[in-house]
Amino acid sequence: RYLLLTAALLTPRPPEFLVLNEPETSLHPDLLAPLARLIASAAQATQLIVVSHAPGLIDALASEPDCHLVALEKRHGETLVA
């Protein structure tokens, strides 16, 4: 799975927009920081959105200078920007 994500993020012709939904699924926790660096690097060439529940990946991405974190929370059955 990590190799597939790496291939997608390092493609020489990136798409204009890329969404990664829970890319941390089935990955060893030690791979989250390297994955965050790959995501940050790919985001220089394409608009990239990452959806994650993994604190390790979220923290690693948040430490990247150009990362814009948007946290969502559910209140009374409604999803809101925290």
C-alpha atoms as a PDB file:
ATOM      1  CA  ARG A   1       0.000   0.000   0.000  1.00  0.00           C
ATOM      2  CA  TYR A   2       2.832   2.389   0.841  1.00  0.00           C
ATOM      3  CA  LEU A   3       4.435   1.685  -2.537  1.00  0.00           C
ATOM      4  CA  LEU A   4       1.169   2.454  -4.329  1.00  0.00           C
ATOM      5  CA  LEU A   5       0.832   5.741  -2.456  1.00  0.00           C
ATOM      6  CA  THR A   6       4.445   6.568  -3.259  1.00  0.00           C
ATOM      7  CA  ALA A   7       3.866   5.921  -6.958  1.00  0.00           C
ATOM      8  CA  ALA A   8       0.741   8.088  -6.953  1.00  0.00           C
ATOM      9  CA  LEU A   9       2.447  10.935  -5.093  1.00  0.00           C
ATOM     10  CA  LEU A  10       5.670  10.886  -7.132  1.00  0.00           C
ATOM     11  CA  THR A  11       4.091  10.595 -10.570  1.00  0.00           C
ATOM     12  CA  PRO A  12       5.835  12.808 -13.149  1.00  0.00           C
ATOM     13  CA  ARG A  13       2.460  14.018 -14.432  1.00  0.00           C
ATOM     14  CA  PRO A  14       0.355  14.707 -11.331  1.00  0.00           C
ATOM     15  CA  PRO A  15      -3.364  15.331 -11.645  1.00  0.00           C
ATOM     16  CA  GLU A  16      -4.715  18.808 -10.942  1.00  0.00           C
ATOM     17  CA  PHE A  17      -6.520  17.534  -7.846  1.00  0.00           C
ATOM     18  CA  LEU A  18      -5.883  14.488  -5.665  1.00  0.00           C
ATOM     19  CA  VAL A  19      -7.805  13.236  -2.625  1.00  0.00           C
ATOM     20  CA  LEU A  20      -6.355  10.645  -0.270  1.00  0.00           C
ATOM     21  CA  ASN A  21      -8.987   9.113   1.989  1.00  0.00           C
ATOM     22  CA  GLU A  22      -7.369   7.587   5.071  1.00  0.00           C
ATOM     23  CA  PRO A  23      -4.048   6.779   3.378  1.00  0.00           C
ATOM     24  CA  GLU A  24      -2.721   5.487   6.709  1.00  0.00           C
ATOM     25  CA  THR A  25      -4.955   2.407   6.574  1.00  0.00           C
ATOM     26  CA  SER A  26      -2.876  -0.781   6.907  1.00  0.00           C
ATOM     27  CA  LEU A  27       0.401   1.138   7.172  1.00  0.00           C
ATOM     28  CA  HIS A  28       2.958   0.641   9.918  1.00  0.00           C
ATOM     29  CA  PRO A  29       3.048   3.709  12.226  1.00  0.00           C
ATOM     30  CA  ASP A  30       6.729   4.278  11.340  1.00  0.00           C
ATOM     31  CA  LEU A  31       5.671   5.049   7.757  1.00  0.00           C
ATOM     32  CA  LEU A  32       3.346   7.935   8.682  1.00  0.00           C
ATOM     33  CA  ALA A  33       6.037  10.631   8.902  1.00  0.00           C
ATOM     34  CA  PRO A  34       7.641   9.617   5.576  1.00  0.00           C
ATOM     35  CA  LEU A  35       4.167   9.517   4.011  1.00  0.00           C
ATOM     36  CA  ALA A  36       3.486  13.034   5.320  1.00  0.00           C
ATOM     37  CA  ARG A  37       6.713  14.263   3.699  1.00  0.00           C
ATOM     38  CA  LEU A  38       5.709  12.649   0.387  1.00  0.00           C
ATOM     39  CA  ILE A  39       2.270  14.252   0.603  1.00  0.00           C
ATOM     40  CA  ALA A  40       3.786  17.670   1.332  1.00  0.00           C
ATOM     41  CA  SER A  41       6.170  17.291  -1.586  1.00  0.00           C
ATOM     42  CA  ALA A  42       3.382  16.237  -3.969  1.00  0.00           C
ATOM     43  CA  ALA A  43       1.252  19.164  -2.801  1.00  0.00           C
ATOM     44  CA  GLN A  44       3.786  21.507  -4.426  1.00  0.00           C
ATOM     45  CA  ALA A  45       2.630  20.259  -7.846  1.00  0.00           C
ATOM     46  CA  THR A  46      -1.058  19.478  -7.303  1.00  0.00           C
ATOM     47  CA  GLN A  47      -3.957  20.451  -5.072  1.00  0.00           C
ATOM     48  CA  LEU A  48      -4.128  17.685  -2.494  1.00  0.00           C
ATOM     49  CA  ILE A  49      -6.666  16.893   0.220  1.00  0.00           C
ATOM     50  CA  VAL A  50      -6.030  14.233   2.850  1.00  0.00           C
ATOM     51  CA  VAL A  51      -8.803  12.833   5.024  1.00  0.00           C
ATOM     52  CA  SER A  52      -7.490  11.065   8.107  1.00  0.00           C
ATOM     53  CA  HIS A  53      -8.383   9.977  11.627  1.00  0.00           C
ATOM     54  CA  ALA A  54      -4.796   8.980  12.494  1.00  0.00           C
ATOM     55  CA  PRO A  55      -3.188  11.383  14.981  1.00  0.00           C
ATOM     56  CA  GLY A  56       0.295  10.305  13.838  1.00  0.00           C
ATOM     57  CA  LEU A  57      -0.350  11.311  10.235  1.00  0.00           C
ATOM     58  CA  ILE A  58      -2.266  14.455  11.178  1.00  0.00           C
ATOM     59  CA  ASP A  59       0.556  15.618  13.476  1.00  0.00           C
ATOM     60  CA  ALA A  60       3.192  14.851  10.844  1.00  0.00           C
ATOM     61  CA  LEU A  61       1.255  16.765   8.183  1.00  0.00           C
ATOM     62  CA  ALA A  62       0.545  19.679  10.535  1.00  0.00           C
ATOM     63  CA  SER A  63       4.290  20.083  11.089  1.00  0.00           C
ATOM     64  CA  GLU A  64       4.782  20.695   7.353  1.00  0.00           C
ATOM     65  CA  PRO A  65       5.020  24.461   6.683  1.00  0.00           C
ATOM     66  CA  ASP A  66       2.452  24.659   3.869  1.00  0.00           C
ATOM     67  CA  CYS A  67      -0.135  22.350   5.428  1.00  0.00           C
ATOM     68  CA  HIS A  68      -3.543  23.817   6.169  1.00  0.00           C
ATOM     69  CA  LEU A  69      -5.321  21.728   8.768  1.00  0.00           C
ATOM     70  CA  VAL A  70      -9.111  21.751   8.850  1.00  0.00           C
ATOM     71  CA  ALA A  71     -10.555  19.792  11.757  1.00  0.00           C
ATOM     72  CA  LEU A  72     -14.148  18.631  11.619  1.00  0.00           C
ATOM     73  CA  GLU A  73     -16.326  17.668  14.546  1.00  0.00           C
ATOM     74  CA  LYS A  74     -19.795  16.306  14.903  1.00  0.00           C
ATOM     75  CA  ARG A  75     -22.253  18.207  17.123  1.00  0.00           C
ATOM     76  CA  HIS A  76     -25.867  17.222  17.468  1.00  0.00           C
ATOM     77  CA  GLY A  77     -25.686  15.119  14.317  1.00  0.00           C
ATOM     78  CA  GLU A  78     -24.168  17.923  12.267  1.00  0.00           C
ATOM     79  CA  THR A  79     -20.588  18.026  10.957  1.00  0.00           C
ATOM     80  CA  LEU A  80     -18.956  21.397  11.553  1.00  0.00           C
ATOM     81  CA  VAL A  81     -15.536  22.947  11.043  1.00  0.00           C
ATOM     82  CA  ALA A  82     -13.949  23.008  14.495  1.00  0.00           C
END
